[in-house]
Amino acid sequence: YRMGWFRQAPGKDLEFVAAINWGDGSTYYTDSVKGRFTISRDNAK
C-alpha cells in the first residue's frame, strides 16, 4: 500500500501533497511543500 495526503482549497481541484510507501518508507512530495512538510508512518499504530 501507499498512503497519500491530498488537499482541496476553495474553488480549486484536489491537489496531491505527499505520499509514503507503507513497506519501504519511500516518500514523495509536491514541489510547493518540499522542505516544509514531512510525511511519516507508524506501522505499529
ModelCIF file with pLDDT and N, C-alpha, C, O atoms, coordinates in Angstrom:
data_MODEL
#
_entry.id   MODEL 
#
_entity.id                         1 
_entity.type                       polymer 
_entity.pdbx_number_of_molecules   1 
#
_entity_poly.entity_id                      1 
_entity_poly.type                           'polypeptide(L)' 
_entity_poly.nstd_linkage                   no 
_entity_poly.nstd_monomer                   no 
_entity_poly.pdbx_seq_one_letter_code       YRMGWFRQAPGKDLEFVAAINWGDGSTYYTDSVKGRFTISRDNAK 
_entity_poly.pdbx_seq_one_letter_code_can   YRMGWFRQAPGKDLEFVAAINWGDGSTYYTDSVKGRFTISRDNAK 
_entity_poly.pdbx_strand_id                 A 
#
loop_
_entity_poly_seq.entity_id 
_entity_poly_seq.num 
_entity_poly_seq.mon_id 
_entity_poly_seq.hetero 
1 1  TYR n 
1 2  ARG n 
1 3  MET n 
1 4  GLY n 
1 5  TRP n 
1 6  PHE n 
1 7  ARG n 
1 8  GLN n 
1 9  ALA n 
1 10 PRO n 
1 11 GLY n 
1 12 LYS n 
1 13 ASP n 
1 14 LEU n 
1 15 GLU n 
1 16 PHE n 
1 17 VAL n 
1 18 ALA n 
1 19 ALA n 
1 20 ILE n 
1 21 ASN n 
1 22 TRP n 
1 23 GLY n 
1 24 ASP n 
1 25 GLY n 
1 26 SER n 
1 27 THR n 
1 28 TYR n 
1 29 TYR n 
1 30 THR n 
1 31 ASP n 
1 32 SER n 
1 33 VAL n 
1 34 LYS n 
1 35 GLY n 
1 36 ARG n 
1 37 PHE n 
1 38 THR n 
1 39 ILE n 
1 40 SER n 
1 41 ARG n 
1 42 ASP n 
1 43 ASN n 
1 44 ALA n 
1 45 LYS n 
#
_struct_asym.id          A 
_struct_asym.entity_id   1 
#
loop_
_ma_qa_metric.id 
_ma_qa_metric.mode 
_ma_qa_metric.name 
_ma_qa_metric.software_group_id 
_ma_qa_metric.type 
1 global pLDDT . pLDDT 
2 local  pLDDT . pLDDT 
#
_ma_qa_metric_global.metric_id      1 
_ma_qa_metric_global.metric_value   96.40 
_ma_qa_metric_global.model_id       1 
_ma_qa_metric_global.ordinal_id     1 
#
loop_
_ma_qa_metric_local.label_asym_id 
_ma_qa_metric_local.label_comp_id 
_ma_qa_metric_local.label_seq_id 
_ma_qa_metric_local.metric_id 
_ma_qa_metric_local.metric_value 
_ma_qa_metric_local.model_id 
_ma_qa_metric_local.ordinal_id 
A TYR 1  2 94.00 1 1  
A ARG 2  2 96.00 1 2  
A MET 3  2 96.00 1 3  
A GLY 4  2 97.00 1 4  
A TRP 5  2 98.00 1 5  
A PHE 6  2 98.00 1 6  
A ARG 7  2 98.00 1 7  
A GLN 8  2 98.00 1 8  
A ALA 9  2 97.00 1 9  
A PRO 10 2 92.00 1 10 
A GLY 11 2 94.00 1 11 
A LYS 12 2 96.00 1 12 
A ASP 13 2 96.00 1 13 
A LEU 14 2 97.00 1 14 
A GLU 15 2 98.00 1 15 
A PHE 16 2 98.00 1 16 
A VAL 17 2 98.00 1 17 
A ALA 18 2 98.00 1 18 
A ALA 19 2 98.00 1 19 
A ILE 20 2 97.00 1 20 
A ASN 21 2 96.00 1 21 
A TRP 22 2 94.00 1 22 
A GLY 23 2 93.00 1 23 
A ASP 24 2 94.00 1 24 
A GLY 25 2 96.00 1 25 
A SER 26 2 97.00 1 26 
A THR 27 2 98.00 1 27 
A TYR 28 2 98.00 1 28 
A TYR 29 2 98.00 1 29 
A THR 30 2 98.00 1 30 
A ASP 31 2 98.00 1 31 
A SER 32 2 97.00 1 32 
A VAL 33 2 98.00 1 33 
A LYS 34 2 98.00 1 34 
A GLY 35 2 98.00 1 35 
A ARG 36 2 98.00 1 36 
A PHE 37 2 98.00 1 37 
A THR 38 2 98.00 1 38 
A ILE 39 2 98.00 1 39 
A SER 40 2 97.00 1 40 
A ARG 41 2 96.00 1 41 
A ASP 42 2 94.00 1 42 
A ASN 43 2 90.00 1 43 
A ALA 44 2 91.00 1 44 
A LYS 45 2 93.00 1 45 
#
loop_
_atom_site.group_PDB 
_atom_site.id 
_atom_site.type_symbol 
_atom_site.label_atom_id 
_atom_site.label_alt_id 
_atom_site.label_comp_id 
_atom_site.label_asym_id 
_atom_site.label_entity_id 
_atom_site.label_seq_id 
_atom_site.pdbx_PDB_ins_code 
_atom_site.Cartn_x 
_atom_site.Cartn_y 
_atom_site.Cartn_z 
_atom_site.occupancy 
_atom_site.B_iso_or_equiv 
_atom_site.pdbx_formal_charge 
_atom_site.auth_seq_id 
_atom_site.auth_comp_id 
_atom_site.auth_asym_id 
_atom_site.auth_atom_id 
_atom_site.pdbx_PDB_model_num 
ATOM 1   N N  . TYR A 1 1  ? 0.819   -1.211 0.000  1.00 94.00 ? 1  TYR A N  1 
ATOM 2   C CA . TYR A 1 1  ? 0.000   0.000  0.000  1.00 94.00 ? 1  TYR A CA 1 
ATOM 3   C C  . TYR A 1 1  ? 0.850   1.258  0.000  1.00 94.00 ? 1  TYR A C  1 
ATOM 4   O O  . TYR A 1 1  ? 1.980   1.269  0.488  1.00 94.00 ? 1  TYR A O  1 
ATOM 5   N N  . ARG A 1 2  ? 0.274   2.329  -0.566 1.00 96.00 ? 2  ARG A N  1 
ATOM 6   C CA . ARG A 1 2  ? 0.845   3.658  -0.474 1.00 96.00 ? 2  ARG A CA 1 
ATOM 7   C C  . ARG A 1 2  ? -0.188  4.579  0.172  1.00 96.00 ? 2  ARG A C  1 
ATOM 8   O O  . ARG A 1 2  ? -1.350  4.603  -0.232 1.00 96.00 ? 2  ARG A O  1 
ATOM 9   N N  . MET A 1 3  ? 0.244   5.328  1.170  1.00 96.00 ? 3  MET A N  1 
ATOM 10  C CA . MET A 1 3  ? -0.612  6.276  1.853  1.00 96.00 ? 3  MET A CA 1 
ATOM 11  C C  . MET A 1 3  ? -0.312  7.670  1.336  1.00 96.00 ? 3  MET A C  1 
ATOM 12  O O  . MET A 1 3  ? 0.850   8.063  1.238  1.00 96.00 ? 3  MET A O  1 
ATOM 13  N N  . GLY A 1 4  ? -1.351  8.418  1.007  1.00 97.00 ? 4  GLY A N  1 
ATOM 14  C CA . GLY A 1 4  ? -1.167  9.744  0.449  1.00 97.00 ? 4  GLY A CA 1 
ATOM 15  C C  . GLY A 1 4  ? -1.961  10.806 1.174  1.00 97.00 ? 4  GLY A C  1 
ATOM 16  O O  . GLY A 1 4  ? -2.978  10.526 1.808  1.00 97.00 ? 4  GLY A O  1 
ATOM 17  N N  . TRP A 1 5  ? -1.479  12.030 1.070  1.00 98.00 ? 5  TRP A N  1 
ATOM 18  C CA . TRP A 1 5  ? -2.197  13.216 1.535  1.00 98.00 ? 5  TRP A CA 1 
ATOM 19  C C  . TRP A 1 5  ? -2.522  14.092 0.329  1.00 98.00 ? 5  TRP A C  1 
ATOM 20  O O  . TRP A 1 5  ? -1.662  14.371 -0.507 1.00 98.00 ? 5  TRP A O  1 
ATOM 21  N N  . PHE A 1 6  ? -3.772  14.517 0.260  1.00 98.00 ? 6  PHE A N  1 
ATOM 22  C CA . PHE A 1 6  ? -4.244  15.452 -0.749 1.00 98.00 ? 6  PHE A CA 1 
ATOM 23  C C  . PHE A 1 6  ? -4.899  16.632 -0.055 1.00 98.00 ? 6  PHE A C  1 
ATOM 24  O O  . PHE A 1 6  ? -5.263  16.548 1.118  1.00 98.00 ? 6  PHE A O  1 
ATOM 25  N N  . ARG A 1 7  ? -5.049  17.726 -0.777 1.00 98.00 ? 7  ARG A N  1 
ATOM 26  C CA . ARG A 1 7  ? -5.743  18.876 -0.218 1.00 98.00 ? 7  ARG A CA 1 
ATOM 27  C C  . ARG A 1 7  ? -6.591  19.544 -1.285 1.00 98.00 ? 7  ARG A C  1 
ATOM 28  O O  . ARG A 1 7  ? -6.306  19.449 -2.479 1.00 98.00 ? 7  ARG A O  1 
ATOM 29  N N  . GLN A 1 8  ? -7.638  20.221 -0.835 1.00 98.00 ? 8  GLN A N  1 
ATOM 30  C CA . GLN A 1 8  ? -8.524  20.934 -1.736 1.00 98.00 ? 8  GLN A CA 1 
ATOM 31  C C  . GLN A 1 8  ? -8.851  22.293 -1.143 1.00 98.00 ? 8  GLN A C  1 
ATOM 32  O O  . GLN A 1 8  ? -9.510  22.394 -0.108 1.00 98.00 ? 8  GLN A O  1 
ATOM 33  N N  . ALA A 1 9  ? -8.383  23.330 -1.811 1.00 97.00 ? 9  ALA A N  1 
ATOM 34  C CA . ALA A 1 9  ? -8.692  24.690 -1.428 1.00 97.00 ? 9  ALA A CA 1 
ATOM 35  C C  . ALA A 1 9  ? -10.005 25.111 -2.069 1.00 97.00 ? 9  ALA A C  1 
ATOM 36  O O  . ALA A 1 9  ? -10.411 24.526 -3.074 1.00 97.00 ? 9  ALA A O  1 
ATOM 37  N N  . PRO A 1 10 ? -10.680 26.113 -1.509 1.00 92.00 ? 10 PRO A N  1 
ATOM 38  C CA . PRO A 1 10 ? -11.952 26.555 -2.086 1.00 92.00 ? 10 PRO A CA 1 
ATOM 39  C C  . PRO A 1 10 ? -11.820 26.924 -3.556 1.00 92.00 ? 10 PRO A C  1 
ATOM 40  O O  . PRO A 1 10 ? -10.946 27.707 -3.930 1.00 92.00 ? 10 PRO A O  1 
ATOM 41  N N  . GLY A 1 11 ? -12.688 26.360 -4.387 1.00 94.00 ? 11 GLY A N  1 
ATOM 42  C CA . GLY A 1 11 ? -12.702 26.663 -5.805 1.00 94.00 ? 11 GLY A CA 1 
ATOM 43  C C  . GLY A 1 11 ? -11.600 26.019 -6.615 1.00 94.00 ? 11 GLY A C  1 
ATOM 44  O O  . GLY A 1 11 ? -11.460 26.318 -7.801 1.00 94.00 ? 11 GLY A O  1 
ATOM 45  N N  . LYS A 1 12 ? -10.808 25.139 -6.011 1.00 96.00 ? 12 LYS A N  1 
ATOM 46  C CA . LYS A 1 12 ? -9.700  24.509 -6.712 1.00 96.00 ? 12 LYS A CA 1 
ATOM 47  C C  . LYS A 1 12 ? -9.854  22.995 -6.741 1.00 96.00 ? 12 LYS A C  1 
ATOM 48  O O  . LYS A 1 12 ? -10.634 22.417 -5.984 1.00 96.00 ? 12 LYS A O  1 
ATOM 49  N N  . ASP A 1 13 ? -9.098  22.373 -7.625 1.00 96.00 ? 13 ASP A N  1 
ATOM 50  C CA . ASP A 1 13 ? -9.119  20.922 -7.745 1.00 96.00 ? 13 ASP A CA 1 
ATOM 51  C C  . ASP A 1 13 ? -8.365  20.268 -6.599 1.00 96.00 ? 13 ASP A C  1 
ATOM 52  O O  . ASP A 1 13 ? -7.559  20.900 -5.915 1.00 96.00 ? 13 ASP A O  1 
ATOM 53  N N  . LEU A 1 14 ? -8.645  19.003 -6.410 1.00 97.00 ? 14 LEU A N  1 
ATOM 54  C CA . LEU A 1 14 ? -7.908  18.211 -5.445 1.00 97.00 ? 14 LEU A CA 1 
ATOM 55  C C  . LEU A 1 14 ? -6.440  18.154 -5.862 1.00 97.00 ? 14 LEU A C  1 
ATOM 56  O O  . LEU A 1 14 ? -6.134  17.887 -7.025 1.00 97.00 ? 14 LEU A O  1 
ATOM 57  N N  . GLU A 1 15 ? -5.535  18.404 -4.919 1.00 98.00 ? 15 GLU A N  1 
ATOM 58  C CA . GLU A 1 15 ? -4.113  18.516 -5.198 1.00 98.00 ? 15 GLU A CA 1 
ATOM 59  C C  . GLU A 1 15 ? -3.317  17.505 -4.388 1.00 98.00 ? 15 GLU A C  1 
ATOM 60  O O  . GLU A 1 15 ? -3.518  17.367 -3.181 1.00 98.00 ? 15 GLU A O  1 
ATOM 61  N N  . PHE A 1 16 ? -2.422  16.806 -5.050 1.00 98.00 ? 16 PHE A N  1 
ATOM 62  C CA . PHE A 1 16 ? -1.513  15.906 -4.349 1.00 98.00 ? 16 PHE A CA 1 
ATOM 63  C C  . PHE A 1 16 ? -0.550  16.698 -3.476 1.00 98.00 ? 16 PHE A C  1 
ATOM 64  O O  . PHE A 1 16 ? -0.032  17.733 -3.894 1.00 98.00 ? 16 PHE A O  1 
ATOM 65  N N  . VAL A 1 17 ? -0.311  16.207 -2.261 1.00 98.00 ? 17 VAL A N  1 
ATOM 66  C CA . VAL A 1 17 ? 0.606   16.857 -1.336 1.00 98.00 ? 17 VAL A CA 1 
ATOM 67  C C  . VAL A 1 17 ? 1.822   15.984 -1.057 1.00 98.00 ? 17 VAL A C  1 
ATOM 68  O O  . VAL A 1 17 ? 2.956   16.407 -1.283 1.00 98.00 ? 17 VAL A O  1 
ATOM 69  N N  . ALA A 1 18 ? 1.596   14.773 -0.569 1.00 98.00 ? 18 ALA A N  1 
ATOM 70  C CA . ALA A 1 18 ? 2.688   13.885 -0.190 1.00 98.00 ? 18 ALA A CA 1 
ATOM 71  C C  . ALA A 1 18 ? 2.189   12.454 -0.144 1.00 98.00 ? 18 ALA A C  1 
ATOM 72  O O  . ALA A 1 18 ? 0.989   12.209 -0.025 1.00 98.00 ? 18 ALA A O  1 
ATOM 73  N N  . ALA A 1 19 ? 3.116   11.510 -0.238 1.00 98.00 ? 19 ALA A N  1 
ATOM 74  C CA . ALA A 1 19 ? 2.772   10.098 -0.141 1.00 98.00 ? 19 ALA A CA 1 
ATOM 75  C C  . ALA A 1 19 ? 3.936   9.327  0.444  1.00 98.00 ? 19 ALA A C  1 
ATOM 76  O O  . ALA A 1 19 ? 5.083   9.772  0.389  1.00 98.00 ? 19 ALA A O  1 
ATOM 77  N N  . ILE A 1 20 ? 3.632   8.170  1.005  1.00 97.00 ? 20 ILE A N  1 
ATOM 78  C CA . ILE A 1 20 ? 4.653   7.309  1.583  1.00 97.00 ? 20 ILE A CA 1 
ATOM 79  C C  . ILE A 1 20 ? 4.301   5.858  1.304  1.00 97.00 ? 20 ILE A C  1 
ATOM 80  O O  . ILE A 1 20 ? 3.148   5.450  1.439  1.00 97.00 ? 20 ILE A O  1 
ATOM 81  N N  . ASN A 1 21 ? 5.302   5.088  0.917  1.00 96.00 ? 21 ASN A N  1 
ATOM 82  C CA . ASN A 1 21 ? 5.114   3.655  0.754  1.00 96.00 ? 21 ASN A CA 1 
ATOM 83  C C  . ASN A 1 21 ? 5.108   2.989  2.122  1.00 96.00 ? 21 ASN A C  1 
ATOM 84  O O  . ASN A 1 21 ? 6.024   3.185  2.920  1.00 96.00 ? 21 ASN A O  1 
ATOM 85  N N  . TRP A 1 22 ? 4.071   2.199  2.388  1.00 94.00 ? 22 TRP A N  1 
ATOM 86  C CA . TRP A 1 22 ? 3.981   1.569  3.696  1.00 94.00 ? 22 TRP A CA 1 
ATOM 87  C C  . TRP A 1 22 ? 5.113   0.595  3.946  1.00 94.00 ? 22 TRP A C  1 
ATOM 88  O O  . TRP A 1 22 ? 5.615   0.494  5.065  1.00 94.00 ? 22 TRP A O  1 
ATOM 89  N N  . GLY A 1 23 ? 5.516   -0.120 2.914  1.00 93.00 ? 23 GLY A N  1 
ATOM 90  C CA . GLY A 1 23 ? 6.523   -1.158 3.077  1.00 93.00 ? 23 GLY A CA 1 
ATOM 91  C C  . GLY A 1 23 ? 7.928   -0.635 3.292  1.00 93.00 ? 23 GLY A C  1 
ATOM 92  O O  . GLY A 1 23 ? 8.567   -0.994 4.281  1.00 93.00 ? 23 GLY A O  1 
ATOM 93  N N  . ASP A 1 24 ? 8.431   0.205  2.393  1.00 94.00 ? 24 ASP A N  1 
ATOM 94  C CA . ASP A 1 24 ? 9.827   0.633  2.470  1.00 94.00 ? 24 ASP A CA 1 
ATOM 95  C C  . ASP A 1 24 ? 10.019  2.071  2.942  1.00 94.00 ? 24 ASP A C  1 
ATOM 96  O O  . ASP A 1 24 ? 11.155  2.505  3.128  1.00 94.00 ? 24 ASP A O  1 
ATOM 97  N N  . GLY A 1 25 ? 8.937   2.817  3.139  1.00 96.00 ? 25 GLY A N  1 
ATOM 98  C CA . GLY A 1 25 ? 9.033   4.166  3.668  1.00 96.00 ? 25 GLY A CA 1 
ATOM 99  C C  . GLY A 1 25 ? 9.437   5.235  2.674  1.00 96.00 ? 25 GLY A C  1 
ATOM 100 O O  . GLY A 1 25 ? 9.672   6.374  3.076  1.00 96.00 ? 25 GLY A O  1 
ATOM 101 N N  . SER A 1 26 ? 9.527   4.917  1.399  1.00 97.00 ? 26 SER A N  1 
ATOM 102 C CA . SER A 1 26 ? 9.850   5.925  0.394  1.00 97.00 ? 26 SER A CA 1 
ATOM 103 C C  . SER A 1 26 ? 8.810   7.029  0.403  1.00 97.00 ? 26 SER A C  1 
ATOM 104 O O  . SER A 1 26 ? 7.618   6.763  0.553  1.00 97.00 ? 26 SER A O  1 
ATOM 105 N N  . THR A 1 27 ? 9.257   8.266  0.244  1.00 98.00 ? 27 THR A N  1 
ATOM 106 C CA . THR A 1 27 ? 8.364   9.411  0.317  1.00 98.00 ? 27 THR A CA 1 
ATOM 107 C C  . THR A 1 27 ? 8.379   10.217 -0.969 1.00 98.00 ? 27 THR A C  1 
ATOM 108 O O  . THR A 1 27 ? 9.345   10.190 -1.731 1.00 98.00 ? 27 THR A O  1 
ATOM 109 N N  . TYR A 1 28 ? 7.283   10.937 -1.193 1.00 98.00 ? 28 TYR A N  1 
ATOM 110 C CA . TYR A 1 28 ? 7.098   11.744 -2.389 1.00 98.00 ? 28 TYR A CA 1 
ATOM 111 C C  . TYR A 1 28 ? 6.378   13.026 -1.980 1.00 98.00 ? 28 TYR A C  1 
ATOM 112 O O  . TYR A 1 28 ? 5.487   12.994 -1.131 1.00 98.00 ? 28 TYR A O  1 
ATOM 113 N N  . TYR A 1 29 ? 6.763   14.162 -2.585 1.00 98.00 ? 29 TYR A N  1 
ATOM 114 C CA . TYR A 1 29 ? 6.181   15.445 -2.242 1.00 98.00 ? 29 TYR A CA 1 
ATOM 115 C C  . TYR A 1 29 ? 5.926   16.276 -3.487 1.00 98.00 ? 29 TYR A C  1 
ATOM 116 O O  . TYR A 1 29 ? 6.656   16.177 -4.473 1.00 98.00 ? 29 TYR A O  1 
ATOM 117 N N  . THR A 1 30 ? 4.894   17.088 -3.433 1.00 98.00 ? 30 THR A N  1 
ATOM 118 C CA . THR A 1 30 ? 4.724   18.097 -4.452 1.00 98.00 ? 30 THR A CA 1 
ATOM 119 C C  . THR A 1 30 ? 5.716   19.226 -4.186 1.00 98.00 ? 30 THR A C  1 
ATOM 120 O O  . THR A 1 30 ? 6.097   19.463 -3.040 1.00 98.00 ? 30 THR A O  1 
ATOM 121 N N  . ASP A 1 31 ? 6.135   19.921 -5.244 1.00 98.00 ? 31 ASP A N  1 
ATOM 122 C CA . ASP A 1 31 ? 7.210   20.893 -5.126 1.00 98.00 ? 31 ASP A CA 1 
ATOM 123 C C  . ASP A 1 31 ? 6.925   21.989 -4.105 1.00 98.00 ? 31 ASP A C  1 
ATOM 124 O O  . ASP A 1 31 ? 7.839   22.446 -3.417 1.00 98.00 ? 31 ASP A O  1 
ATOM 125 N N  . SER A 1 32 ? 5.684   22.410 -4.000 1.00 97.00 ? 32 SER A N  1 
ATOM 126 C CA . SER A 1 32 ? 5.354   23.547 -3.154 1.00 97.00 ? 32 SER A CA 1 
ATOM 127 C C  . SER A 1 32 ? 5.525   23.282 -1.660 1.00 97.00 ? 32 SER A C  1 
ATOM 128 O O  . SER A 1 32 ? 5.558   24.227 -0.872 1.00 97.00 ? 32 SER A O  1 
ATOM 129 N N  . VAL A 1 33 ? 5.635   22.016 -1.256 1.00 98.00 ? 33 VAL A N  1 
ATOM 130 C CA . VAL A 1 33 ? 5.763   21.707 0.166  1.00 98.00 ? 33 VAL A CA 1 
ATOM 131 C C  . VAL A 1 33 ? 7.110   21.098 0.524  1.00 98.00 ? 33 VAL A C  1 
ATOM 132 O O  . VAL A 1 33 ? 7.368   20.839 1.700  1.00 98.00 ? 33 VAL A O  1 
ATOM 133 N N  . LYS A 1 34 ? 7.965   20.865 -0.445 1.00 98.00 ? 34 LYS A N  1 
ATOM 134 C CA . LYS A 1 34 ? 9.271   20.271 -0.170 1.00 98.00 ? 34 LYS A CA 1 
ATOM 135 C C  . LYS A 1 34 ? 10.078  21.161 0.765  1.00 98.00 ? 34 LYS A C  1 
ATOM 136 O O  . LYS A 1 34 ? 10.166  22.373 0.569  1.00 98.00 ? 34 LYS A O  1 
ATOM 137 N N  . GLY A 1 35 ? 10.660  20.548 1.776  1.00 98.00 ? 35 GLY A N  1 
ATOM 138 C CA . GLY A 1 35 ? 11.419  21.286 2.764  1.00 98.00 ? 35 GLY A CA 1 
ATOM 139 C C  . GLY A 1 35 ? 10.593  21.832 3.898  1.00 98.00 ? 35 GLY A C  1 
ATOM 140 O O  . GLY A 1 35 ? 11.148  22.274 4.904  1.00 98.00 ? 35 GLY A O  1 
ATOM 141 N N  . ARG A 1 36 ? 9.274   21.815 3.767  1.00 98.00 ? 36 ARG A N  1 
ATOM 142 C CA . ARG A 1 36 ? 8.386   22.311 4.814  1.00 98.00 ? 36 ARG A CA 1 
ATOM 143 C C  . ARG A 1 36 ? 7.532   21.210 5.434  1.00 98.00 ? 36 ARG A C  1 
ATOM 144 O O  . ARG A 1 36 ? 7.293   21.218 6.641  1.00 98.00 ? 36 ARG A O  1 
ATOM 145 N N  . PHE A 1 37 ? 7.075   20.269 4.623  1.00 98.00 ? 37 PHE A N  1 
ATOM 146 C CA . PHE A 1 37 ? 6.214   19.186 5.089  1.00 98.00 ? 37 PHE A CA 1 
ATOM 147 C C  . PHE A 1 37 ? 7.000   17.881 5.135  1.00 98.00 ? 37 PHE A C  1 
ATOM 148 O O  . PHE A 1 37 ? 7.900   17.655 4.326  1.00 98.00 ? 37 PHE A O  1 
ATOM 149 N N  . THR A 1 38 ? 6.648   17.028 6.091  1.00 98.00 ? 38 THR A N  1 
ATOM 150 C CA . THR A 1 38 ? 7.248   15.711 6.204  1.00 98.00 ? 38 THR A CA 1 
ATOM 151 C C  . THR A 1 38 ? 6.154   14.677 6.435  1.00 98.00 ? 38 THR A C  1 
ATOM 152 O O  . THR A 1 38 ? 5.363   14.800 7.369  1.00 98.00 ? 38 THR A O  1 
ATOM 153 N N  . ILE A 1 39 ? 6.112   13.665 5.588  1.00 98.00 ? 39 ILE A N  1 
ATOM 154 C CA . ILE A 1 39 ? 5.173   12.573 5.773  1.00 98.00 ? 39 ILE A CA 1 
ATOM 155 C C  . ILE A 1 39 ? 5.904   11.414 6.444  1.00 98.00 ? 39 ILE A C  1 
ATOM 156 O O  . ILE A 1 39 ? 7.063   11.139 6.132  1.00 98.00 ? 39 ILE A O  1 
ATOM 157 N N  . SER A 1 40 ? 5.231   10.745 7.353  1.00 97.00 ? 40 SER A N  1 
ATOM 158 C CA . SER A 1 40 ? 5.831   9.621  8.062  1.00 97.00 ? 40 SER A CA 1 
ATOM 159 C C  . SER A 1 40 ? 4.743   8.626  8.431  1.00 97.00 ? 40 SER A C  1 
ATOM 160 O O  . SER A 1 40 ? 3.553   8.898  8.270  1.00 97.00 ? 40 SER A O  1 
ATOM 161 N N  . ARG A 1 41 ? 5.162   7.482  8.924  1.00 96.00 ? 41 ARG A N  1 
ATOM 162 C CA . ARG A 1 41 ? 4.211   6.451  9.309  1.00 96.00 ? 41 ARG A CA 1 
ATOM 163 C C  . ARG A 1 41 ? 4.653   5.781  10.597 1.00 96.00 ? 41 ARG A C  1 
ATOM 164 O O  . ARG A 1 41 ? 5.840   5.750  10.922 1.00 96.00 ? 41 ARG A O  1 
ATOM 165 N N  . ASP A 1 42 ? 3.685   5.247  11.322 1.00 94.00 ? 42 ASP A N  1 
ATOM 166 C CA . ASP A 1 42 ? 3.927   4.429  12.492 1.00 94.00 ? 42 ASP A CA 1 
ATOM 167 C C  . ASP A 1 42 ? 3.221   3.113  12.228 1.00 94.00 ? 42 ASP A C  1 
ATOM 168 O O  . ASP A 1 42 ? 2.007   3.005  12.400 1.00 94.00 ? 42 ASP A O  1 
ATOM 169 N N  . ASN A 1 43 ? 3.979   2.120  11.811 1.00 90.00 ? 43 ASN A N  1 
ATOM 170 C CA . ASN A 1 43 ? 3.382   0.854  11.421 1.00 90.00 ? 43 ASN A CA 1 
ATOM 171 C C  . ASN A 1 43 ? 2.638   0.181  12.574 1.00 90.00 ? 43 ASN A C  1 
ATOM 172 O O  . ASN A 1 43 ? 1.590   -0.430 12.367 1.00 90.00 ? 43 ASN A O  1 
ATOM 173 N N  . ALA A 1 44 ? 3.177   0.293  13.779 1.00 91.00 ? 44 ALA A N  1 
ATOM 174 C CA . ALA A 1 44 ? 2.555   -0.344 14.926 1.00 91.00 ? 44 ALA A CA 1 
ATOM 175 C C  . ALA A 1 44 ? 1.197   0.265  15.253 1.00 91.00 ? 44 ALA A C  1 
ATOM 176 O O  . ALA A 1 44 ? 0.324   -0.421 15.785 1.00 91.00 ? 44 ALA A O  1 
ATOM 177 N N  . LYS A 1 45 ? 1.012   1.535  14.943 1.00 93.00 ? 45 LYS A N  1 
ATOM 178 C CA . LYS A 1 45 ? -0.235  2.233  15.247 1.00 93.00 ? 45 LYS A CA 1 
ATOM 179 C C  . LYS A 1 45 ? -1.149  2.364  14.042 1.00 93.00 ? 45 LYS A C  1 
ATOM 180 O O  . LYS A 1 45 ? -2.237  2.930  14.151 1.00 93.00 ? 45 LYS A O  1 
#
